Full PDB file with SEQRES, HELIX, SHEET, SSBOND, CRYST1, ORIGX, SCALE, CONECT and MASTER records, all heavy atoms in Angstrom:
SEQRES   1 A   31  LEU VAL GLU ILE ASN LEU ASP LEU GLY GLN VAL PHE ASP          
SEQRES   2 A   31  VAL ASP GLN VAL LYS ILE HIS THR VAL GLY GLY GLY ARG          
SEQRES   3 A   31  ALA GLY VAL GLU TYR                                          
HELIX    1 AA1 ARG A   26  GLY A   28  5                                   3    
CRYST1    1.000    1.000    1.000  90.00  90.00  90.00 P 1           1          
ORIGX1      1.000000  0.000000  0.000000        0.00000                         
ORIGX2      0.000000  1.000000  0.000000        0.00000                         
ORIGX3      0.000000  0.000000  1.000000        0.00000                         
SCALE1      1.000000  0.000000  0.000000        0.00000                         
SCALE2      0.000000  1.000000  0.000000        0.00000                         
SCALE3      0.000000  0.000000  1.000000        0.00000                         
ATOM      1  N   LEU A   1      -7.462   3.564 -10.550  1.00  0.00           N  
ATOM      2  CA  LEU A   1      -7.376   2.585  -9.533  1.00  0.00           C  
ATOM      3  C   LEU A   1      -6.222   1.826  -9.556  1.00  0.00           C  
ATOM      4  O   LEU A   1      -5.757   1.339 -10.881  1.00  0.00           O  
ATOM      5  CB  LEU A   1      -8.590   1.579  -9.533  1.00  0.00           C  
ATOM      6  CG  LEU A   1      -8.756   0.652  -8.410  1.00  0.00           C  
ATOM      7  CD1 LEU A   1      -9.341   1.453  -7.060  1.00  0.00           C  
ATOM      8  CD2 LEU A   1      -9.649  -0.545  -8.711  1.00  0.00           C  
ATOM      9  N   VAL A   2      -5.347   1.616  -8.584  1.00  0.00           N  
ATOM     10  CA  VAL A   2      -4.306   0.709  -8.496  1.00  0.00           C  
ATOM     11  C   VAL A   2      -4.494  -0.637  -7.839  1.00  0.00           C  
ATOM     12  O   VAL A   2      -5.043  -0.522  -6.634  1.00  0.00           O  
ATOM     13  CB  VAL A   2      -3.080   1.355  -7.938  1.00  0.00           C  
ATOM     14  CG1 VAL A   2      -1.833   0.440  -7.834  1.00  0.00           C  
ATOM     15  CG2 VAL A   2      -2.707   2.613  -8.739  1.00  0.00           C  
ATOM     16  N   GLU A   3      -4.274  -1.748  -8.428  1.00  0.00           N  
ATOM     17  CA  GLU A   3      -4.480  -3.087  -7.724  1.00  0.00           C  
ATOM     18  C   GLU A   3      -3.130  -3.625  -7.535  1.00  0.00           C  
ATOM     19  O   GLU A   3      -2.332  -3.745  -8.381  1.00  0.00           O  
ATOM     20  CB  GLU A   3      -5.345  -3.974  -8.624  1.00  0.00           C  
ATOM     21  CG  GLU A   3      -5.553  -5.325  -8.106  1.00  0.00           C  
ATOM     22  CD  GLU A   3      -6.327  -6.272  -8.865  1.00  0.00           C  
ATOM     23  OE1 GLU A   3      -7.122  -5.695  -9.730  1.00  0.00           O  
ATOM     24  OE2 GLU A   3      -6.286  -7.534  -8.752  1.00  0.00           O  
ATOM     25  N   ILE A   4      -2.849  -4.174  -6.313  1.00  0.00           N  
ATOM     26  CA  ILE A   4      -1.637  -4.696  -5.852  1.00  0.00           C  
ATOM     27  C   ILE A   4      -1.908  -6.065  -5.260  1.00  0.00           C  
ATOM     28  O   ILE A   4      -2.653  -6.102  -4.281  1.00  0.00           O  
ATOM     29  CB  ILE A   4      -0.753  -3.806  -4.807  1.00  0.00           C  
ATOM     30  CG1 ILE A   4      -0.470  -2.463  -5.518  1.00  0.00           C  
ATOM     31  CG2 ILE A   4       0.544  -4.495  -4.497  1.00  0.00           C  
ATOM     32  CD1 ILE A   4       0.045  -1.384  -4.499  1.00  0.00           C  
ATOM     33  N   ASN A   5      -1.349  -7.202  -5.761  1.00  0.00           N  
ATOM     34  CA  ASN A   5      -1.433  -8.512  -5.253  1.00  0.00           C  
ATOM     35  C   ASN A   5      -0.319  -9.034  -4.710  1.00  0.00           C  
ATOM     36  O   ASN A   5       0.798  -8.844  -5.229  1.00  0.00           O  
ATOM     37  CB  ASN A   5      -2.067  -9.404  -6.433  1.00  0.00           C  
ATOM     38  CG  ASN A   5      -3.529  -8.868  -6.790  1.00  0.00           C  
ATOM     39  OD1 ASN A   5      -4.501  -9.324  -6.092  1.00  0.00           O  
ATOM     40  ND2 ASN A   5      -3.669  -8.282  -7.875  1.00  0.00           N  
ATOM     41  N   LEU A   6      -0.402  -9.784  -3.610  1.00  0.00           N  
ATOM     42  CA  LEU A   6       0.653 -10.384  -2.850  1.00  0.00           C  
ATOM     43  C   LEU A   6       0.339 -11.772  -2.423  1.00  0.00           C  
ATOM     44  O   LEU A   6      -0.746 -11.995  -1.780  1.00  0.00           O  
ATOM     45  CB  LEU A   6       1.010  -9.409  -1.626  1.00  0.00           C  
ATOM     46  CG  LEU A   6       1.932  -9.965  -0.603  1.00  0.00           C  
ATOM     47  CD1 LEU A   6       3.348 -10.221  -1.347  1.00  0.00           C  
ATOM     48  CD2 LEU A   6       2.089  -9.018   0.507  1.00  0.00           C  
ATOM     49  N   ASP A   7       1.285 -12.628  -2.671  1.00  0.00           N  
ATOM     50  CA  ASP A   7       1.303 -14.015  -2.221  1.00  0.00           C  
ATOM     51  C   ASP A   7       2.250 -14.246  -1.137  1.00  0.00           C  
ATOM     52  O   ASP A   7       3.428 -14.071  -1.319  1.00  0.00           O  
ATOM     53  CB  ASP A   7       1.507 -14.934  -3.272  1.00  0.00           C  
ATOM     54  CG  ASP A   7       1.352 -16.453  -2.784  1.00  0.00           C  
ATOM     55  OD1 ASP A   7       1.203 -16.720  -1.674  1.00  0.00           O  
ATOM     56  OD2 ASP A   7       1.650 -17.324  -3.711  1.00  0.00           O  
ATOM     57  N   LEU A   8       1.734 -14.396   0.188  1.00  0.00           N  
ATOM     58  CA  LEU A   8       2.648 -14.552   1.320  1.00  0.00           C  
ATOM     59  C   LEU A   8       3.430 -15.846   1.469  1.00  0.00           C  
ATOM     60  O   LEU A   8       4.312 -16.045   2.241  1.00  0.00           O  
ATOM     61  CB  LEU A   8       1.921 -14.307   2.578  1.00  0.00           C  
ATOM     62  CG  LEU A   8       1.373 -12.887   2.838  1.00  0.00           C  
ATOM     63  CD1 LEU A   8       0.505 -12.922   4.104  1.00  0.00           C  
ATOM     64  CD2 LEU A   8       2.384 -11.892   2.777  1.00  0.00           C  
ATOM     65  N   GLY A   9       2.998 -16.839   0.578  1.00  0.00           N  
ATOM     66  CA  GLY A   9       3.741 -18.073   0.427  1.00  0.00           C  
ATOM     67  C   GLY A   9       3.023 -19.267   1.248  1.00  0.00           C  
ATOM     68  O   GLY A   9       3.114 -20.401   0.972  1.00  0.00           O  
ATOM     69  N   GLN A  10       2.503 -18.779   2.389  1.00  0.00           N  
ATOM     70  CA  GLN A  10       1.566 -19.793   3.218  1.00  0.00           C  
ATOM     71  C   GLN A  10       0.718 -18.827   4.043  1.00  0.00           C  
ATOM     72  O   GLN A  10       0.776 -17.657   4.102  1.00  0.00           O  
ATOM     73  CB  GLN A  10       2.520 -20.527   4.043  1.00  0.00           C  
ATOM     74  CG  GLN A  10       3.179 -19.699   5.206  1.00  0.00           C  
ATOM     75  CD  GLN A  10       4.214 -20.513   5.997  1.00  0.00           C  
ATOM     76  OE1 GLN A  10       5.253 -20.895   5.630  1.00  0.00           O  
ATOM     77  NE2 GLN A  10       3.898 -20.780   7.305  1.00  0.00           N  
ATOM     78  N   VAL A  11      -0.207 -19.602   4.770  1.00  0.00           N  
ATOM     79  CA  VAL A  11      -1.297 -18.833   5.536  1.00  0.00           C  
ATOM     80  C   VAL A  11      -0.502 -18.290   6.840  1.00  0.00           C  
ATOM     81  O   VAL A  11       0.117 -19.023   7.534  1.00  0.00           O  
ATOM     82  CB  VAL A  11      -2.340 -19.788   5.909  1.00  0.00           C  
ATOM     83  CG1 VAL A  11      -3.395 -19.083   6.810  1.00  0.00           C  
ATOM     84  CG2 VAL A  11      -3.154 -20.327   4.613  1.00  0.00           C  
ATOM     85  N   PHE A  12      -0.896 -17.038   7.097  1.00  0.00           N  
ATOM     86  CA  PHE A  12      -0.366 -16.403   8.300  1.00  0.00           C  
ATOM     87  C   PHE A  12      -1.396 -15.651   9.045  1.00  0.00           C  
ATOM     88  O   PHE A  12      -2.507 -15.363   8.442  1.00  0.00           O  
ATOM     89  CB  PHE A  12       0.735 -15.399   7.898  1.00  0.00           C  
ATOM     90  CG  PHE A  12       2.102 -15.928   7.406  1.00  0.00           C  
ATOM     91  CD1 PHE A  12       2.348 -16.059   6.227  1.00  0.00           C  
ATOM     92  CD2 PHE A  12       2.976 -16.363   8.458  1.00  0.00           C  
ATOM     93  CE1 PHE A  12       3.622 -16.520   5.743  1.00  0.00           C  
ATOM     94  CE2 PHE A  12       4.173 -16.908   8.011  1.00  0.00           C  
ATOM     95  CZ  PHE A  12       4.500 -17.041   6.727  1.00  0.00           C  
ATOM     96  N   ASP A  13      -1.253 -15.336  10.325  1.00  0.00           N  
ATOM     97  CA  ASP A  13      -2.212 -14.446  11.003  1.00  0.00           C  
ATOM     98  C   ASP A  13      -1.685 -13.064  10.773  1.00  0.00           C  
ATOM     99  O   ASP A  13      -0.524 -12.601  11.071  1.00  0.00           O  
ATOM    100  CB  ASP A  13      -2.115 -14.714  12.525  1.00  0.00           C  
ATOM    101  CG  ASP A  13      -2.778 -16.168  12.850  1.00  0.00           C  
ATOM    102  OD1 ASP A  13      -3.829 -16.344  12.552  1.00  0.00           O  
ATOM    103  OD2 ASP A  13      -1.999 -16.911  13.534  1.00  0.00           O  
ATOM    104  N   VAL A  14      -2.396 -12.281  10.039  1.00  0.00           N  
ATOM    105  CA  VAL A  14      -2.000 -11.011   9.599  1.00  0.00           C  
ATOM    106  C   VAL A  14      -2.686  -9.961  10.454  1.00  0.00           C  
ATOM    107  O   VAL A  14      -3.841  -9.881  10.768  1.00  0.00           O  
ATOM    108  CB  VAL A  14      -2.503 -10.828   8.096  1.00  0.00           C  
ATOM    109  CG1 VAL A  14      -2.087  -9.231   7.633  1.00  0.00           C  
ATOM    110  CG2 VAL A  14      -1.855 -11.680   7.155  1.00  0.00           C  
ATOM    111  N   ASP A  15      -1.896  -8.920  10.959  1.00  0.00           N  
ATOM    112  CA  ASP A  15      -2.382  -7.899  11.726  1.00  0.00           C  
ATOM    113  C   ASP A  15      -2.647  -6.543  11.006  1.00  0.00           C  
ATOM    114  O   ASP A  15      -3.637  -6.074  10.995  1.00  0.00           O  
ATOM    115  CB  ASP A  15      -1.360  -7.513  12.824  1.00  0.00           C  
ATOM    116  CG  ASP A  15      -1.813  -6.540  13.966  1.00  0.00           C  
ATOM    117  OD1 ASP A  15      -2.842  -6.950  14.481  1.00  0.00           O  
ATOM    118  OD2 ASP A  15      -1.217  -5.565  14.092  1.00  0.00           O  
ATOM    119  N   GLN A  16      -1.661  -6.109  10.359  1.00  0.00           N  
ATOM    120  CA  GLN A  16      -1.810  -4.883   9.549  1.00  0.00           C  
ATOM    121  C   GLN A  16      -1.079  -4.848   8.218  1.00  0.00           C  
ATOM    122  O   GLN A  16      -0.138  -5.508   8.085  1.00  0.00           O  
ATOM    123  CB  GLN A  16      -1.151  -3.596  10.403  1.00  0.00           C  
ATOM    124  CG  GLN A  16      -1.846  -3.290  11.742  1.00  0.00           C  
ATOM    125  CD  GLN A  16      -1.160  -2.271  12.411  1.00  0.00           C  
ATOM    126  OE1 GLN A  16       0.147  -2.153  12.236  1.00  0.00           O  
ATOM    127  NE2 GLN A  16      -1.879  -1.471  13.332  1.00  0.00           N  
ATOM    128  N   VAL A  17      -1.474  -3.966   7.324  1.00  0.00           N  
ATOM    129  CA  VAL A  17      -0.847  -3.730   6.156  1.00  0.00           C  
ATOM    130  C   VAL A  17      -0.517  -2.090   6.199  1.00  0.00           C  
ATOM    131  O   VAL A  17      -1.250  -1.267   6.574  1.00  0.00           O  
ATOM    132  CB  VAL A  17      -1.713  -3.843   4.876  1.00  0.00           C  
ATOM    133  CG1 VAL A  17      -0.969  -3.410   3.584  1.00  0.00           C  
ATOM    134  CG2 VAL A  17      -2.030  -5.465   4.729  1.00  0.00           C  
ATOM    135  N   LYS A  18       0.817  -1.733   5.895  1.00  0.00           N  
ATOM    136  CA  LYS A  18       1.262  -0.471   5.954  1.00  0.00           C  
ATOM    137  C   LYS A  18       1.686  -0.029   4.583  1.00  0.00           C  
ATOM    138  O   LYS A  18       2.540  -0.658   3.939  1.00  0.00           O  
ATOM    139  CB  LYS A  18       2.425  -0.222   6.887  1.00  0.00           C  
ATOM    140  CG  LYS A  18       1.924  -0.383   8.419  1.00  0.00           C  
ATOM    141  CD  LYS A  18       3.133  -0.045   9.301  1.00  0.00           C  
ATOM    142  CE  LYS A  18       2.803  -0.228  10.859  1.00  0.00           C  
ATOM    143  NZ  LYS A  18       3.980   0.347  11.694  1.00  0.00           N  
ATOM    144  N   ILE A  19       1.219   1.162   4.094  1.00  0.00           N  
ATOM    145  CA  ILE A  19       1.577   1.661   2.792  1.00  0.00           C  
ATOM    146  C   ILE A  19       2.393   2.904   2.990  1.00  0.00           C  
ATOM    147  O   ILE A  19       1.850   3.904   3.545  1.00  0.00           O  
ATOM    148  CB  ILE A  19       0.426   1.929   1.843  1.00  0.00           C  
ATOM    149  CG1 ILE A  19      -0.442   0.632   1.679  1.00  0.00           C  
ATOM    150  CG2 ILE A  19       0.916   2.455   0.518  1.00  0.00           C  
ATOM    151  CD1 ILE A  19      -1.709   0.949   0.922  1.00  0.00           C  
ATOM    152  N   HIS A  20       3.662   2.846   2.757  1.00  0.00           N  
ATOM    153  CA  HIS A  20       4.465   4.141   2.820  1.00  0.00           C  
ATOM    154  C   HIS A  20       4.455   5.017   1.545  1.00  0.00           C  
ATOM    155  O   HIS A  20       4.817   4.529   0.459  1.00  0.00           O  
ATOM    156  CB  HIS A  20       5.938   3.810   3.024  1.00  0.00           C  
ATOM    157  CG  HIS A  20       6.154   2.962   4.337  1.00  0.00           C  
ATOM    158  ND1 HIS A  20       6.834   3.525   5.470  1.00  0.00           N  
ATOM    159  CD2 HIS A  20       5.769   1.703   4.704  1.00  0.00           C  
ATOM    160  CE1 HIS A  20       6.836   2.624   6.477  1.00  0.00           C  
ATOM    161  NE2 HIS A  20       6.283   1.504   6.001  1.00  0.00           N  
ATOM    162  N   THR A  21       3.804   6.123   1.631  1.00  0.00           N  
ATOM    163  CA  THR A  21       3.480   6.869   0.500  1.00  0.00           C  
ATOM    164  C   THR A  21       3.772   8.348   0.696  1.00  0.00           C  
ATOM    165  O   THR A  21       4.364   8.732   1.640  1.00  0.00           O  
ATOM    166  CB  THR A  21       1.945   6.708   0.105  1.00  0.00           C  
ATOM    167  OG1 THR A  21       1.556   7.335  -0.970  1.00  0.00           O  
ATOM    168  CG2 THR A  21       1.069   7.190   1.342  1.00  0.00           C  
ATOM    169  N   VAL A  22       3.337   9.149  -0.185  1.00  0.00           N  
ATOM    170  CA  VAL A  22       3.606  10.624  -0.122  1.00  0.00           C  
ATOM    171  C   VAL A  22       2.547  11.408  -0.801  1.00  0.00           C  
ATOM    172  O   VAL A  22       1.726  10.963  -1.682  1.00  0.00           O  
ATOM    173  CB  VAL A  22       4.930  10.935  -0.925  1.00  0.00           C  
ATOM    174  CG1 VAL A  22       4.793  10.780  -2.349  1.00  0.00           C  
ATOM    175  CG2 VAL A  22       5.397  12.360  -0.598  1.00  0.00           C  
ATOM    176  N   GLY A  23       2.270  12.713  -0.214  1.00  0.00           N  
ATOM    177  CA  GLY A  23       1.414  13.640  -0.803  1.00  0.00           C  
ATOM    178  C   GLY A  23       1.625  15.076  -0.240  1.00  0.00           C  
ATOM    179  O   GLY A  23       2.644  15.221   0.314  1.00  0.00           O  
ATOM    180  N   GLY A  24       0.644  15.857  -0.416  1.00  0.00           N  
ATOM    181  CA  GLY A  24       0.754  17.231  -0.106  1.00  0.00           C  
ATOM    182  C   GLY A  24       0.637  18.251  -1.181  1.00  0.00           C  
ATOM    183  O   GLY A  24       0.652  19.498  -0.962  1.00  0.00           O  
ATOM    184  N   GLY A  25       0.486  17.761  -2.350  1.00  0.00           N  
ATOM    185  CA  GLY A  25       0.117  18.687  -3.467  1.00  0.00           C  
ATOM    186  C   GLY A  25       1.305  19.077  -4.523  1.00  0.00           C  
ATOM    187  O   GLY A  25       1.025  19.598  -5.478  1.00  0.00           O  
ATOM    188  N   ARG A  26       2.558  18.784  -4.113  1.00  0.00           N  
ATOM    189  CA  ARG A  26       3.609  19.078  -5.009  1.00  0.00           C  
ATOM    190  C   ARG A  26       3.485  18.392  -6.330  1.00  0.00           C  
ATOM    191  O   ARG A  26       3.331  17.183  -6.513  1.00  0.00           O  
ATOM    192  CB  ARG A  26       4.994  18.693  -4.415  1.00  0.00           C  
ATOM    193  CG  ARG A  26       6.169  19.095  -5.295  1.00  0.00           C  
ATOM    194  CD  ARG A  26       7.452  18.917  -4.582  1.00  0.00           C  
ATOM    195  NE  ARG A  26       8.588  19.189  -5.458  1.00  0.00           N  
ATOM    196  CZ  ARG A  26       9.867  19.305  -5.135  1.00  0.00           C  
ATOM    197  NH1 ARG A  26      10.195  19.060  -3.789  1.00  0.00           N  
ATOM    198  NH2 ARG A  26      10.806  19.583  -5.901  1.00  0.00           N  
ATOM    199  N   ALA A  27       3.469  19.069  -7.427  1.00  0.00           N  
ATOM    200  CA  ALA A  27       3.314  18.633  -8.797  1.00  0.00           C  
ATOM    201  C   ALA A  27       2.047  17.813  -8.950  1.00  0.00           C  
ATOM    202  O   ALA A  27       1.954  17.009  -9.750  1.00  0.00           O  
ATOM    203  CB  ALA A  27       4.613  17.689  -9.231  1.00  0.00           C  
ATOM    204  N   GLY A  28       1.076  18.183  -8.174  1.00  0.00           N  
ATOM    205  CA  GLY A  28      -0.236  17.591  -8.227  1.00  0.00           C  
ATOM    206  C   GLY A  28      -0.195  16.251  -7.600  1.00  0.00           C  
ATOM    207  O   GLY A  28      -1.262  15.558  -7.739  1.00  0.00           O  
ATOM    208  N   VAL A  29       0.742  15.836  -6.826  1.00  0.00           N  
ATOM    209  CA  VAL A  29       0.841  14.569  -6.143  1.00  0.00           C  
ATOM    210  C   VAL A  29       0.096  14.664  -4.721  1.00  0.00           C  
ATOM    211  O   VAL A  29       0.536  15.422  -3.925  1.00  0.00           O  
ATOM    212  CB  VAL A  29       2.269  13.995  -5.979  1.00  0.00           C  
ATOM    213  CG1 VAL A  29       2.216  12.848  -5.128  1.00  0.00           C  
ATOM    214  CG2 VAL A  29       2.854  13.849  -7.310  1.00  0.00           C  
ATOM    215  N   GLU A  30      -0.930  13.862  -4.579  1.00  0.00           N  
ATOM    216  CA  GLU A  30      -1.741  13.859  -3.386  1.00  0.00           C  
ATOM    217  C   GLU A  30      -1.657  12.471  -2.760  1.00  0.00           C  
ATOM    218  O   GLU A  30      -1.392  11.599  -3.457  1.00  0.00           O  
ATOM    219  CB  GLU A  30      -3.161  14.227  -3.563  1.00  0.00           C  
ATOM    220  CG  GLU A  30      -3.249  15.736  -4.110  1.00  0.00           C  
ATOM    221  CD  GLU A  30      -3.008  16.795  -3.228  1.00  0.00           C  
ATOM    222  OE1 GLU A  30      -2.420  16.605  -2.068  1.00  0.00           O  
ATOM    223  OE2 GLU A  30      -3.263  17.929  -3.605  1.00  0.00           O  
ATOM    224  N   TYR A  31      -2.071  12.373  -1.564  1.00  0.00           N  
ATOM    225  CA  TYR A  31      -2.230  10.912  -0.913  1.00  0.00           C  
ATOM    226  C   TYR A  31      -3.418  10.357  -1.643  1.00  0.00           C  
ATOM    227  O   TYR A  31      -4.249  10.954  -1.970  1.00  0.00           O  
ATOM    228  CB  TYR A  31      -2.457  11.079   0.629  1.00  0.00           C  
ATOM    229  CG  TYR A  31      -1.401  11.821   1.259  1.00  0.00           C  
ATOM    230  CD1 TYR A  31      -1.646  13.210   1.809  1.00  0.00           C  
ATOM    231  CD2 TYR A  31      -0.172  11.254   1.470  1.00  0.00           C  
ATOM    232  CE1 TYR A  31      -0.624  13.812   2.476  1.00  0.00           C  
ATOM    233  CE2 TYR A  31       0.894  11.947   2.201  1.00  0.00           C  
ATOM    234  CZ  TYR A  31       0.532  13.262   2.765  1.00  0.00           C  
ATOM    235  OH  TYR A  31       1.553  13.816   3.379  1.00  0.00           O  
TER     236      TYR A  31                                                      
MASTER        0    0    0    1    0    0    0    6  235    1    0    3          
END                                                                             
């Protein structure tokens, strides 16, 4: 499990979180 914590500095109205990642099986790396 990977835990990632983020402080935005103040309260905002948040719509989405996007994670830019990679997968597909090369060298055992999957999404």
